[in-house]
Amino acid sequence: DIFGTAGTGNDGIPYMTISYANGLGFYKHVDPVKGARADVREMPDAND
């Protein structure tokens, strides 16, 4: 699936095949509490 994940980063969290250099998607994929990437597997709207 082109909209799925393509591998796992050094932080142990999957990364997506499609990404952008910039945009508001930054806020969705960065956990402000942990200061780290959010896990797309835990996002209930990932297929929306």
ModelCIF file with pLDDT and N, C-alpha, C, O atoms, coordinates in Angstrom:
data_MODEL
#
_entry.id   MODEL 
#
_entity.id                         1 
_entity.type                       polymer 
_entity.pdbx_number_of_molecules   1 
#
_entity_poly.entity_id                      1 
_entity_poly.type                           'polypeptide(L)' 
_entity_poly.nstd_linkage                   no 
_entity_poly.nstd_monomer                   no 
_entity_poly.pdbx_seq_one_letter_code       DIFGTAGTGNDGIPYMTISYANGLGFYKHVDPVKGARADVREMPDAND 
_entity_poly.pdbx_seq_one_letter_code_can   DIFGTAGTGNDGIPYMTISYANGLGFYKHVDPVKGARADVREMPDAND 
_entity_poly.pdbx_strand_id                 A 
#
loop_
_entity_poly_seq.entity_id 
_entity_poly_seq.num 
_entity_poly_seq.mon_id 
_entity_poly_seq.hetero 
1 1  ASP n 
1 2  ILE n 
1 3  PHE n 
1 4  GLY n 
1 5  THR n 
1 6  ALA n 
1 7  GLY n 
1 8  THR n 
1 9  GLY n 
1 10 ASN n 
1 11 ASP n 
1 12 GLY n 
1 13 ILE n 
1 14 PRO n 
1 15 TYR n 
1 16 MET n 
1 17 THR n 
1 18 ILE n 
1 19 SER n 
1 20 TYR n 
1 21 ALA n 
1 22 ASN n 
1 23 GLY n 
1 24 LEU n 
1 25 GLY n 
1 26 PHE n 
1 27 TYR n 
1 28 LYS n 
1 29 HIS n 
1 30 VAL n 
1 31 ASP n 
1 32 PRO n 
1 33 VAL n 
1 34 LYS n 
1 35 GLY n 
1 36 ALA n 
1 37 ARG n 
1 38 ALA n 
1 39 ASP n 
1 40 VAL n 
1 41 ARG n 
1 42 GLU n 
1 43 MET n 
1 44 PRO n 
1 45 ASP n 
1 46 ALA n 
1 47 ASN n 
1 48 ASP n 
#
_struct_asym.id          A 
_struct_asym.entity_id   1 
#
loop_
_ma_qa_metric.id 
_ma_qa_metric.mode 
_ma_qa_metric.name 
_ma_qa_metric.software_group_id 
_ma_qa_metric.type 
1 global pLDDT . pLDDT 
2 local  pLDDT . pLDDT 
#
_ma_qa_metric_global.metric_id      1 
_ma_qa_metric_global.metric_value   95.02 
_ma_qa_metric_global.model_id       1 
_ma_qa_metric_global.ordinal_id     1 
#
loop_
_ma_qa_metric_local.label_asym_id 
_ma_qa_metric_local.label_comp_id 
_ma_qa_metric_local.label_seq_id 
_ma_qa_metric_local.metric_id 
_ma_qa_metric_local.metric_value 
_ma_qa_metric_local.model_id 
_ma_qa_metric_local.ordinal_id 
A ASP 1  2 96.00 1 1  
A ILE 2  2 98.00 1 2  
A PHE 3  2 98.00 1 3  
A GLY 4  2 97.00 1 4  
A THR 5  2 97.00 1 5  
A ALA 6  2 96.00 1 6  
A GLY 7  2 94.00 1 7  
A THR 8  2 95.00 1 8  
A GLY 9  2 95.00 1 9  
A ASN 10 2 93.00 1 10 
A ASP 11 2 94.00 1 11 
A GLY 12 2 95.00 1 12 
A ILE 13 2 96.00 1 13 
A PRO 14 2 97.00 1 14 
A TYR 15 2 97.00 1 15 
A MET 16 2 98.00 1 16 
A THR 17 2 98.00 1 17 
A ILE 18 2 98.00 1 18 
A SER 19 2 98.00 1 19 
A TYR 20 2 98.00 1 20 
A ALA 21 2 98.00 1 21 
A ASN 22 2 98.00 1 22 
A GLY 23 2 98.00 1 23 
A LEU 24 2 97.00 1 24 
A GLY 25 2 97.00 1 25 
A PHE 26 2 97.00 1 26 
A TYR 27 2 95.00 1 27 
A LYS 28 2 96.00 1 28 
A HIS 29 2 97.00 1 29 
A VAL 30 2 94.00 1 30 
A ASP 31 2 86.00 1 31 
A PRO 32 2 82.00 1 32 
A VAL 33 2 84.00 1 33 
A LYS 34 2 82.00 1 34 
A GLY 35 2 83.00 1 35 
A ALA 36 2 93.00 1 36 
A ARG 37 2 95.00 1 37 
A ALA 38 2 95.00 1 38 
A ASP 39 2 96.00 1 39 
A VAL 40 2 97.00 1 40 
A ARG 41 2 96.00 1 41 
A GLU 42 2 95.00 1 42 
A MET 43 2 97.00 1 43 
A PRO 44 2 97.00 1 44 
A ASP 45 2 97.00 1 45 
A ALA 46 2 97.00 1 46 
A ASN 47 2 97.00 1 47 
A ASP 48 2 97.00 1 48 
#
loop_
_atom_site.group_PDB 
_atom_site.id 
_atom_site.type_symbol 
_atom_site.label_atom_id 
_atom_site.label_alt_id 
_atom_site.label_comp_id 
_atom_site.label_asym_id 
_atom_site.label_entity_id 
_atom_site.label_seq_id 
_atom_site.pdbx_PDB_ins_code 
_atom_site.Cartn_x 
_atom_site.Cartn_y 
_atom_site.Cartn_z 
_atom_site.occupancy 
_atom_site.B_iso_or_equiv 
_atom_site.pdbx_formal_charge 
_atom_site.auth_seq_id 
_atom_site.auth_comp_id 
_atom_site.auth_asym_id 
_atom_site.auth_atom_id 
_atom_site.pdbx_PDB_model_num 
ATOM 1   N N  . ASP A 1 1  ? 0.844  -1.191 0.000  1.00 96.00 ? 1  ASP A N  1 
ATOM 2   C CA . ASP A 1 1  ? 0.000  0.000  0.000  1.00 96.00 ? 1  ASP A CA 1 
ATOM 3   C C  . ASP A 1 1  ? 0.879  1.240  0.000  1.00 96.00 ? 1  ASP A C  1 
ATOM 4   O O  . ASP A 1 1  ? 1.708  1.413  0.893  1.00 96.00 ? 1  ASP A O  1 
ATOM 5   N N  . ILE A 1 2  ? 0.705  2.104  -0.995 1.00 98.00 ? 2  ILE A N  1 
ATOM 6   C CA . ILE A 1 2  ? 1.533  3.304  -1.106 1.00 98.00 ? 2  ILE A CA 1 
ATOM 7   C C  . ILE A 1 2  ? 1.333  4.216  0.095  1.00 98.00 ? 2  ILE A C  1 
ATOM 8   O O  . ILE A 1 2  ? 2.208  5.025  0.407  1.00 98.00 ? 2  ILE A O  1 
ATOM 9   N N  . PHE A 1 3  ? 0.202  4.100  0.770  1.00 98.00 ? 3  PHE A N  1 
ATOM 10  C CA . PHE A 1 3  ? -0.089 4.948  1.924  1.00 98.00 ? 3  PHE A CA 1 
ATOM 11  C C  . PHE A 1 3  ? 0.324  4.299  3.247  1.00 98.00 ? 3  PHE A C  1 
ATOM 12  O O  . PHE A 1 3  ? -0.025 4.795  4.318  1.00 98.00 ? 3  PHE A O  1 
ATOM 13  N N  . GLY A 1 4  ? 1.065  3.192  3.171  1.00 97.00 ? 4  GLY A N  1 
ATOM 14  C CA . GLY A 1 4  ? 1.480  2.481  4.370  1.00 97.00 ? 4  GLY A CA 1 
ATOM 15  C C  . GLY A 1 4  ? 2.880  2.854  4.815  1.00 97.00 ? 4  GLY A C  1 
ATOM 16  O O  . GLY A 1 4  ? 3.399  3.911  4.454  1.00 97.00 ? 4  GLY A O  1 
ATOM 17  N N  . THR A 1 5  ? 3.489  1.976  5.605  1.00 97.00 ? 5  THR A N  1 
ATOM 18  C CA . THR A 1 5  ? 4.835  2.218  6.122  1.00 97.00 ? 5  THR A CA 1 
ATOM 19  C C  . THR A 1 5  ? 5.874  1.536  5.241  1.00 97.00 ? 5  THR A C  1 
ATOM 20  O O  . THR A 1 5  ? 5.583  0.574  4.530  1.00 97.00 ? 5  THR A O  1 
ATOM 21  N N  . ALA A 1 6  ? 7.103  2.068  5.311  1.00 96.00 ? 6  ALA A N  1 
ATOM 22  C CA . ALA A 1 6  ? 8.163  1.574  4.427  1.00 96.00 ? 6  ALA A CA 1 
ATOM 23  C C  . ALA A 1 6  ? 9.360  1.027  5.177  1.00 96.00 ? 6  ALA A C  1 
ATOM 24  O O  . ALA A 1 6  ? 10.297 0.526  4.555  1.00 96.00 ? 6  ALA A O  1 
ATOM 25  N N  . GLY A 1 7  ? 9.351  1.111  6.484  1.00 94.00 ? 7  GLY A N  1 
ATOM 26  C CA . GLY A 1 7  ? 10.479 0.625  7.260  1.00 94.00 ? 7  GLY A CA 1 
ATOM 27  C C  . GLY A 1 7  ? 10.387 1.136  8.686  1.00 94.00 ? 7  GLY A C  1 
ATOM 28  O O  . GLY A 1 7  ? 9.377  1.712  9.091  1.00 94.00 ? 7  GLY A O  1 
ATOM 29  N N  . THR A 1 8  ? 11.455 0.918  9.441  1.00 95.00 ? 8  THR A N  1 
ATOM 30  C CA . THR A 1 8  ? 11.499 1.345  10.839 1.00 95.00 ? 8  THR A CA 1 
ATOM 31  C C  . THR A 1 8  ? 12.713 2.233  11.062 1.00 95.00 ? 8  THR A C  1 
ATOM 32  O O  . THR A 1 8  ? 13.821 1.916  10.628 1.00 95.00 ? 8  THR A O  1 
ATOM 33  N N  . GLY A 1 9  ? 12.489 3.347  11.743 1.00 95.00 ? 9  GLY A N  1 
ATOM 34  C CA . GLY A 1 9  ? 13.582 4.264  12.033 1.00 95.00 ? 9  GLY A CA 1 
ATOM 35  C C  . GLY A 1 9  ? 14.454 3.771  13.169 1.00 95.00 ? 9  GLY A C  1 
ATOM 36  O O  . GLY A 1 9  ? 14.141 2.769  13.810 1.00 95.00 ? 9  GLY A O  1 
ATOM 37  N N  . ASN A 1 10 ? 15.559 4.480  13.421 1.00 93.00 ? 10 ASN A N  1 
ATOM 38  C CA . ASN A 1 10 ? 16.457 4.114  14.513 1.00 93.00 ? 10 ASN A CA 1 
ATOM 39  C C  . ASN A 1 10 ? 15.799 4.283  15.878 1.00 93.00 ? 10 ASN A C  1 
ATOM 40  O O  . ASN A 1 10 ? 16.312 3.799  16.886 1.00 93.00 ? 10 ASN A O  1 
ATOM 41  N N  . ASP A 1 11 ? 14.665 4.970  15.903 1.00 94.00 ? 11 ASP A N  1 
ATOM 42  C CA . ASP A 1 11 ? 13.929 5.123  17.158 1.00 94.00 ? 11 ASP A CA 1 
ATOM 43  C C  . ASP A 1 11 ? 12.968 3.961  17.412 1.00 94.00 ? 11 ASP A C  1 
ATOM 44  O O  . ASP A 1 11 ? 12.238 3.961  18.404 1.00 94.00 ? 11 ASP A O  1 
ATOM 45  N N  . GLY A 1 12 ? 12.968 2.964  16.507 1.00 95.00 ? 12 GLY A N  1 
ATOM 46  C CA . GLY A 1 12 ? 12.112 1.804  16.675 1.00 95.00 ? 12 GLY A CA 1 
ATOM 47  C C  . GLY A 1 12 ? 10.673 2.009  16.243 1.00 95.00 ? 12 GLY A C  1 
ATOM 48  O O  . GLY A 1 12 ? 9.830  1.139  16.461 1.00 95.00 ? 12 GLY A O  1 
ATOM 49  N N  . ILE A 1 13 ? 10.381 3.157  15.631 1.00 96.00 ? 13 ILE A N  1 
ATOM 50  C CA . ILE A 1 13 ? 9.016  3.495  15.205 1.00 96.00 ? 13 ILE A CA 1 
ATOM 51  C C  . ILE A 1 13 ? 8.946  3.433  13.672 1.00 96.00 ? 13 ILE A C  1 
ATOM 52  O O  . ILE A 1 13 ? 9.851  3.928  13.000 1.00 96.00 ? 13 ILE A O  1 
ATOM 53  N N  . PRO A 1 14 ? 7.895  2.840  13.113 1.00 97.00 ? 14 PRO A N  1 
ATOM 54  C CA . PRO A 1 14 ? 7.778  2.768  11.646 1.00 97.00 ? 14 PRO A CA 1 
ATOM 55  C C  . PRO A 1 14 ? 7.684  4.164  11.022 1.00 97.00 ? 14 PRO A C  1 
ATOM 56  O O  . PRO A 1 14 ? 7.160  5.101  11.624 1.00 97.00 ? 14 PRO A O  1 
ATOM 57  N N  . TYR A 1 15 ? 8.201  4.271  9.813  1.00 97.00 ? 15 TYR A N  1 
ATOM 58  C CA . TYR A 1 15 ? 8.041  5.507  9.051  1.00 97.00 ? 15 TYR A CA 1 
ATOM 59  C C  . TYR A 1 15 ? 7.234  5.205  7.787  1.00 97.00 ? 15 TYR A C  1 
ATOM 60  O O  . TYR A 1 15 ? 7.211  4.072  7.308  1.00 97.00 ? 15 TYR A O  1 
ATOM 61  N N  . MET A 1 16 ? 6.575  6.234  7.256  1.00 98.00 ? 16 MET A N  1 
ATOM 62  C CA . MET A 1 16 ? 5.661  6.045  6.135  1.00 98.00 ? 16 MET A CA 1 
ATOM 63  C C  . MET A 1 16 ? 6.371  6.196  4.795  1.00 98.00 ? 16 MET A C  1 
ATOM 64  O O  . MET A 1 16 ? 7.377  6.896  4.683  1.00 98.00 ? 16 MET A O  1 
ATOM 65  N N  . THR A 1 17 ? 5.833  5.529  3.790  1.00 98.00 ? 17 THR A N  1 
ATOM 66  C CA . THR A 1 17 ? 6.400  5.616  2.447  1.00 98.00 ? 17 THR A CA 1 
ATOM 67  C C  . THR A 1 17 ? 6.321  7.044  1.916  1.00 98.00 ? 17 THR A C  1 
ATOM 68  O O  . THR A 1 17 ? 7.242  7.514  1.249  1.00 98.00 ? 17 THR A O  1 
ATOM 69  N N  . ILE A 1 18 ? 5.222  7.730  2.212  1.00 98.00 ? 18 ILE A N  1 
ATOM 70  C CA . ILE A 1 18 ? 5.025  9.099  1.756  1.00 98.00 ? 18 ILE A CA 1 
ATOM 71  C C  . ILE A 1 18 ? 5.276  10.055 2.919  1.00 98.00 ? 18 ILE A C  1 
ATOM 72  O O  . ILE A 1 18 ? 4.746  9.865  4.014  1.00 98.00 ? 18 ILE A O  1 
ATOM 73  N N  . SER A 1 19 ? 6.074  11.065 2.678  1.00 98.00 ? 19 SER A N  1 
ATOM 74  C CA . SER A 1 19 ? 6.297  12.103 3.680  1.00 98.00 ? 19 SER A CA 1 
ATOM 75  C C  . SER A 1 19 ? 6.567  13.424 2.967  1.00 98.00 ? 19 SER A C  1 
ATOM 76  O O  . SER A 1 19 ? 6.787  13.455 1.756  1.00 98.00 ? 19 SER A O  1 
ATOM 77  N N  . TYR A 1 20 ? 6.547  14.491 3.718  1.00 98.00 ? 20 TYR A N  1 
ATOM 78  C CA . TYR A 1 20 ? 6.729  15.840 3.175  1.00 98.00 ? 20 TYR A CA 1 
ATOM 79  C C  . TYR A 1 20 ? 7.893  16.541 3.882  1.00 98.00 ? 20 TYR A C  1 
ATOM 80  O O  . TYR A 1 20 ? 8.193  16.261 5.042  1.00 98.00 ? 20 TYR A O  1 
ATOM 81  N N  . ALA A 1 21 ? 8.530  17.443 3.169  1.00 98.00 ? 21 ALA A N  1 
ATOM 82  C CA . ALA A 1 21 ? 9.608  18.226 3.784  1.00 98.00 ? 21 ALA A CA 1 
ATOM 83  C C  . ALA A 1 21 ? 9.054  19.195 4.815  1.00 98.00 ? 21 ALA A C  1 
ATOM 84  O O  . ALA A 1 21 ? 9.746  19.546 5.771  1.00 98.00 ? 21 ALA A O  1 
ATOM 85  N N  . ASN A 1 22 ? 7.801  19.635 4.629  1.00 98.00 ? 22 ASN A N  1 
ATOM 86  C CA . ASN A 1 22 ? 7.215  20.596 5.555  1.00 98.00 ? 22 ASN A CA 1 
ATOM 87  C C  . ASN A 1 22 ? 5.697  20.511 5.507  1.00 98.00 ? 22 ASN A C  1 
ATOM 88  O O  . ASN A 1 22 ? 5.131  19.862 4.628  1.00 98.00 ? 22 ASN A O  1 
ATOM 89  N N  . GLY A 1 23 ? 5.041  21.172 6.459  1.00 98.00 ? 23 GLY A N  1 
ATOM 90  C CA . GLY A 1 23 ? 3.586  21.175 6.478  1.00 98.00 ? 23 GLY A CA 1 
ATOM 91  C C  . GLY A 1 23 ? 3.033  20.905 7.869  1.00 98.00 ? 23 GLY A C  1 
ATOM 92  O O  . GLY A 1 23 ? 3.773  20.637 8.816  1.00 98.00 ? 23 GLY A O  1 
ATOM 93  N N  . LEU A 1 24 ? 1.708  20.985 7.965  1.00 97.00 ? 24 LEU A N  1 
ATOM 94  C CA . LEU A 1 24 ? 1.044  20.799 9.261  1.00 97.00 ? 24 LEU A CA 1 
ATOM 95  C C  . LEU A 1 24 ? 1.055  19.355 9.738  1.00 97.00 ? 24 LEU A C  1 
ATOM 96  O O  . LEU A 1 24 ? 0.761  19.082 10.902 1.00 97.00 ? 24 LEU A O  1 
ATOM 97  N N  . GLY A 1 25 ? 1.390  18.437 8.855  1.00 97.00 ? 25 GLY A N  1 
ATOM 98  C CA . GLY A 1 25 ? 1.516  17.047 9.271  1.00 97.00 ? 25 GLY A CA 1 
ATOM 99  C C  . GLY A 1 25 ? 2.587  16.857 10.334 1.00 97.00 ? 25 GLY A C  1 
ATOM 100 O O  . GLY A 1 25 ? 2.608  15.838 11.024 1.00 97.00 ? 25 GLY A O  1 
ATOM 101 N N  . PHE A 1 26 ? 3.473  17.834 10.466 1.00 97.00 ? 26 PHE A N  1 
ATOM 102 C CA . PHE A 1 26 ? 4.512  17.791 11.503 1.00 97.00 ? 26 PHE A CA 1 
ATOM 103 C C  . PHE A 1 26 ? 3.886  17.593 12.883 1.00 97.00 ? 26 PHE A C  1 
ATOM 104 O O  . PHE A 1 26 ? 4.353  16.775 13.675 1.00 97.00 ? 26 PHE A O  1 
ATOM 105 N N  . TYR A 1 27 ? 2.824  18.351 13.161 1.00 95.00 ? 27 TYR A N  1 
ATOM 106 C CA . TYR A 1 27 ? 2.226  18.325 14.495 1.00 95.00 ? 27 TYR A CA 1 
ATOM 107 C C  . TYR A 1 27 ? 1.564  16.977 14.798 1.00 95.00 ? 27 TYR A C  1 
ATOM 108 O O  . TYR A 1 27 ? 1.511  16.558 15.954 1.00 95.00 ? 27 TYR A O  1 
ATOM 109 N N  . LYS A 1 28 ? 1.072  16.315 13.785 1.00 96.00 ? 28 LYS A N  1 
ATOM 110 C CA . LYS A 1 28 ? 0.404  15.031 14.009 1.00 96.00 ? 28 LYS A CA 1 
ATOM 111 C C  . LYS A 1 28 ? 1.403  13.923 14.295 1.00 96.00 ? 28 LYS A C  1 
ATOM 112 O O  . LYS A 1 28 ? 1.103  12.971 15.015 1.00 96.00 ? 28 LYS A O  1 
ATOM 113 N N  . HIS A 1 29 ? 2.581  14.056 13.729 1.00 97.00 ? 29 HIS A N  1 
ATOM 114 C CA . HIS A 1 29 ? 3.539  12.950 13.789 1.00 97.00 ? 29 HIS A CA 1 
ATOM 115 C C  . HIS A 1 29 ? 4.691  13.188 14.769 1.00 97.00 ? 29 HIS A C  1 
ATOM 116 O O  . HIS A 1 29 ? 5.638  12.404 14.829 1.00 97.00 ? 29 HIS A O  1 
ATOM 117 N N  . VAL A 1 30 ? 4.602  14.267 15.525 1.00 94.00 ? 30 VAL A N  1 
ATOM 118 C CA . VAL A 1 30 ? 5.584  14.502 16.583 1.00 94.00 ? 30 VAL A CA 1 
ATOM 119 C C  . VAL A 1 30 ? 4.844  14.568 17.907 1.00 94.00 ? 30 VAL A C  1 
ATOM 120 O O  . VAL A 1 30 ? 3.937  15.383 18.074 1.00 94.00 ? 30 VAL A O  1 
ATOM 121 N N  . ASP A 1 31 ? 5.223  13.720 18.844 1.00 86.00 ? 31 ASP A N  1 
ATOM 122 C CA . ASP A 1 31 ? 4.586  13.674 20.158 1.00 86.00 ? 31 ASP A CA 1 
ATOM 123 C C  . ASP A 1 31 ? 5.137  14.830 20.996 1.00 86.00 ? 31 ASP A C  1 
ATOM 124 O O  . ASP A 1 31 ? 6.313  14.806 21.361 1.00 86.00 ? 31 ASP A O  1 
ATOM 125 N N  . PRO A 1 32 ? 4.308  15.855 21.314 1.00 82.00 ? 32 PRO A N  1 
ATOM 126 C CA . PRO A 1 32 ? 4.821  17.032 22.021 1.00 82.00 ? 32 PRO A CA 1 
ATOM 127 C C  . PRO A 1 32 ? 5.244  16.717 23.454 1.00 82.00 ? 32 PRO A C  1 
ATOM 128 O O  . PRO A 1 32 ? 6.078  17.428 24.015 1.00 82.00 ? 32 PRO A O  1 
ATOM 129 N N  . VAL A 1 33 ? 4.692  15.678 24.049 1.00 84.00 ? 33 VAL A N  1 
ATOM 130 C CA . VAL A 1 33 ? 5.036  15.311 25.420 1.00 84.00 ? 33 VAL A CA 1 
ATOM 131 C C  . VAL A 1 33 ? 6.397  14.611 25.466 1.00 84.00 ? 33 VAL A C  1 
ATOM 132 O O  . VAL A 1 33 ? 7.278  14.974 26.244 1.00 84.00 ? 33 VAL A O  1 
ATOM 133 N N  . LYS A 1 34 ? 6.536  13.605 24.616 1.00 82.00 ? 34 LYS A N  1 
ATOM 134 C CA . LYS A 1 34 ? 7.781  12.838 24.585 1.00 82.00 ? 34 LYS A CA 1 
ATOM 135 C C  . LYS A 1 34 ? 8.873  13.547 23.788 1.00 82.00 ? 34 LYS A C  1 
ATOM 136 O O  . LYS A 1 34 ? 10.053 13.228 23.929 1.00 82.00 ? 34 LYS A O  1 
ATOM 137 N N  . GLY A 1 35 ? 8.481  14.507 22.952 1.00 83.00 ? 35 GLY A N  1 
ATOM 138 C CA . GLY A 1 35 ? 9.463  15.166 22.097 1.00 83.00 ? 35 GLY A CA 1 
ATOM 139 C C  . GLY A 1 35 ? 10.044 14.223 21.070 1.00 83.00 ? 35 GLY A C  1 
ATOM 140 O O  . GLY A 1 35 ? 11.193 14.381 20.657 1.00 83.00 ? 35 GLY A O  1 
ATOM 141 N N  . ALA A 1 36 ? 9.265  13.244 20.656 1.00 93.00 ? 36 ALA A N  1 
ATOM 142 C CA . ALA A 1 36 ? 9.723  12.232 19.700 1.00 93.00 ? 36 ALA A CA 1 
ATOM 143 C C  . ALA A 1 36 ? 8.611  11.962 18.692 1.00 93.00 ? 36 ALA A C  1 
ATOM 144 O O  . ALA A 1 36 ? 7.503  12.486 18.802 1.00 93.00 ? 36 ALA A O  1 
ATOM 145 N N  . ARG A 1 37 ? 8.939  11.132 17.714 1.00 95.00 ? 37 ARG A N  1 
ATOM 146 C CA . ARG A 1 37 ? 7.933  10.804 16.705 1.00 95.00 ? 37 ARG A CA 1 
ATOM 147 C C  . ARG A 1 37 ? 6.790  10.001 17.305 1.00 95.00 ? 37 ARG A C  1 
ATOM 148 O O  . ARG A 1 37 ? 6.998  9.134  18.155 1.00 95.00 ? 37 ARG A O  1 
ATOM 149 N N  . ALA A 1 38 ? 5.594  10.301 16.854 1.00 95.00 ? 38 ALA A N  1 
ATOM 150 C CA . ALA A 1 38 ? 4.435  9.518  17.252 1.00 95.00 ? 38 ALA A CA 1 
ATOM 151 C C  . ALA A 1 38 ? 4.390  8.231  16.430 1.00 95.00 ? 38 ALA A C  1 
ATOM 152 O O  . ALA A 1 38 ? 4.933  8.178  15.326 1.00 95.00 ? 38 ALA A O  1 
ATOM 153 N N  . ASP A 1 39 ? 3.754  7.212  16.957 1.00 96.00 ? 39 ASP A N  1 
ATOM 154 C CA . ASP A 1 39 ? 3.677  5.909  16.295 1.00 96.00 ? 39 ASP A CA 1 
ATOM 155 C C  . ASP A 1 39 ? 2.405  5.849  15.458 1.00 96.00 ? 39 ASP A C  1 
ATOM 156 O O  . ASP A 1 39 ? 1.298  5.902  15.995 1.00 96.00 ? 39 ASP A O  1 
ATOM 157 N N  . VAL A 1 40 ? 2.565  5.741  14.157 1.00 97.00 ? 40 VAL A N  1 
ATOM 158 C CA . VAL A 1 40 ? 1.412  5.731  13.259 1.00 97.00 ? 40 VAL A CA 1 
ATOM 159 C C  . VAL A 1 40 ? 0.508  4.528  13.535 1.00 97.00 ? 40 VAL A C  1 
ATOM 160 O O  . VAL A 1 40 ? -0.686 4.571  13.237 1.00 97.00 ? 40 VAL A O  1 
ATOM 161 N N  . ARG A 1 41 ? 1.063  3.469  14.094 1.00 96.00 ? 41 ARG A N  1 
ATOM 162 C CA . ARG A 1 41 ? 0.256  2.284  14.403 1.00 96.00 ? 41 ARG A CA 1 
ATOM 163 C C  . ARG A 1 41 ? -0.778 2.568  15.493 1.00 96.00 ? 41 ARG A C  1 
ATOM 164 O O  . ARG A 1 41 ? -1.743 1.820  15.652 1.00 96.00 ? 41 ARG A O  1 
ATOM 165 N N  . GLU A 1 42 ? -0.572 3.633  16.226 1.00 95.00 ? 42 GLU A N  1 
ATOM 166 C CA . GLU A 1 42 ? -1.486 3.991  17.302 1.00 95.00 ? 42 GLU A CA 1 
ATOM 167 C C  . GLU A 1 42 ? -2.461 5.099  16.900 1.00 95.00 ? 42 GLU A C  1 
ATOM 168 O O  . GLU A 1 42 ? -3.196 5.621  17.739 1.00 95.00 ? 42 GLU A O  1 
ATOM 169 N N  . MET A 1 43 ? -2.463 5.454  15.612 1.00 97.00 ? 43 MET A N  1 
ATOM 170 C CA . MET A 1 43 ? -3.345 6.515  15.136 1.00 97.00 ? 43 MET A CA 1 
ATOM 171 C C  . MET A 1 43 ? -4.604 5.890  14.542 1.00 97.00 ? 43 MET A C  1 
ATOM 172 O O  . MET A 1 43 ? -4.515 5.239  13.501 1.00 97.00 ? 43 MET A O  1 
ATOM 173 N N  . PRO A 1 44 ? -5.762 6.061  15.156 1.00 97.00 ? 44 PRO A N  1 
ATOM 174 C CA . PRO A 1 44 ? -6.989 5.412  14.671 1.00 97.00 ? 44 PRO A CA 1 
ATOM 175 C C  . PRO A 1 44 ? -7.462 5.919  13.320 1.00 97.00 ? 44 PRO A C  1 
ATOM 176 O O  . PRO A 1 44 ? -8.243 5.243  12.648 1.00 97.00 ? 44 PRO A O  1 
ATOM 177 N N  . ASP A 1 45 ? -6.999 7.111  12.903 1.00 97.00 ? 45 ASP A N  1 
ATOM 178 C CA . ASP A 1 45 ? -7.451 7.684  11.632 1.00 97.00 ? 45 ASP A CA 1 
ATOM 179 C C  . ASP A 1 45 ? -6.449 7.475  10.504 1.00 97.00 ? 45 ASP A C  1 
ATOM 180 O O  . ASP A 1 45 ? -6.557 8.126  9.465  1.00 97.00 ? 45 ASP A O  1 
ATOM 181 N N  . ALA A 1 46 ? -5.482 6.587  10.680 1.00 97.00 ? 46 ALA A N  1 
ATOM 182 C CA . ALA A 1 46 ? -4.409 6.424  9.697  1.00 97.00 ? 46 ALA A CA 1 
ATOM 183 C C  . ALA A 1 46 ? -4.908 5.997  8.324  1.00 97.00 ? 46 ALA A C  1 
ATOM 184 O O  . ALA A 1 46 ? -4.225 6.222  7.325  1.00 97.00 ? 46 ALA A O  1 
ATOM 185 N N  . ASN A 1 47 ? -6.087 5.387  8.256  1.00 97.00 ? 47 ASN A N  1 
ATOM 186 C CA . ASN A 1 47 ? -6.634 4.940  6.971  1.00 97.00 ? 47 ASN A CA 1 
ATOM 187 C C  . ASN A 1 47 ? -7.697 5.881  6.418  1.00 97.00 ? 47 ASN A C  1 
ATOM 188 O O  . ASN A 1 47 ? -8.306 5.589  5.389  1.00 97.00 ? 47 ASN A O  1 
ATOM 189 N N  . ASP A 1 48 ? -7.925 7.002  7.087  1.00 97.00 ? 48 ASP A N  1 
ATOM 190 C CA . ASP A 1 48 ? -8.936 7.962  6.630  1.00 97.00 ? 48 ASP A CA 1 
ATOM 191 C C  . ASP A 1 48 ? -8.425 8.767  5.437  1.00 97.00 ? 48 ASP A C  1 
ATOM 192 O O  . ASP A 1 48 ? -9.141 9.623  4.918  1.00 97.00 ? 48 ASP A O  1 
#
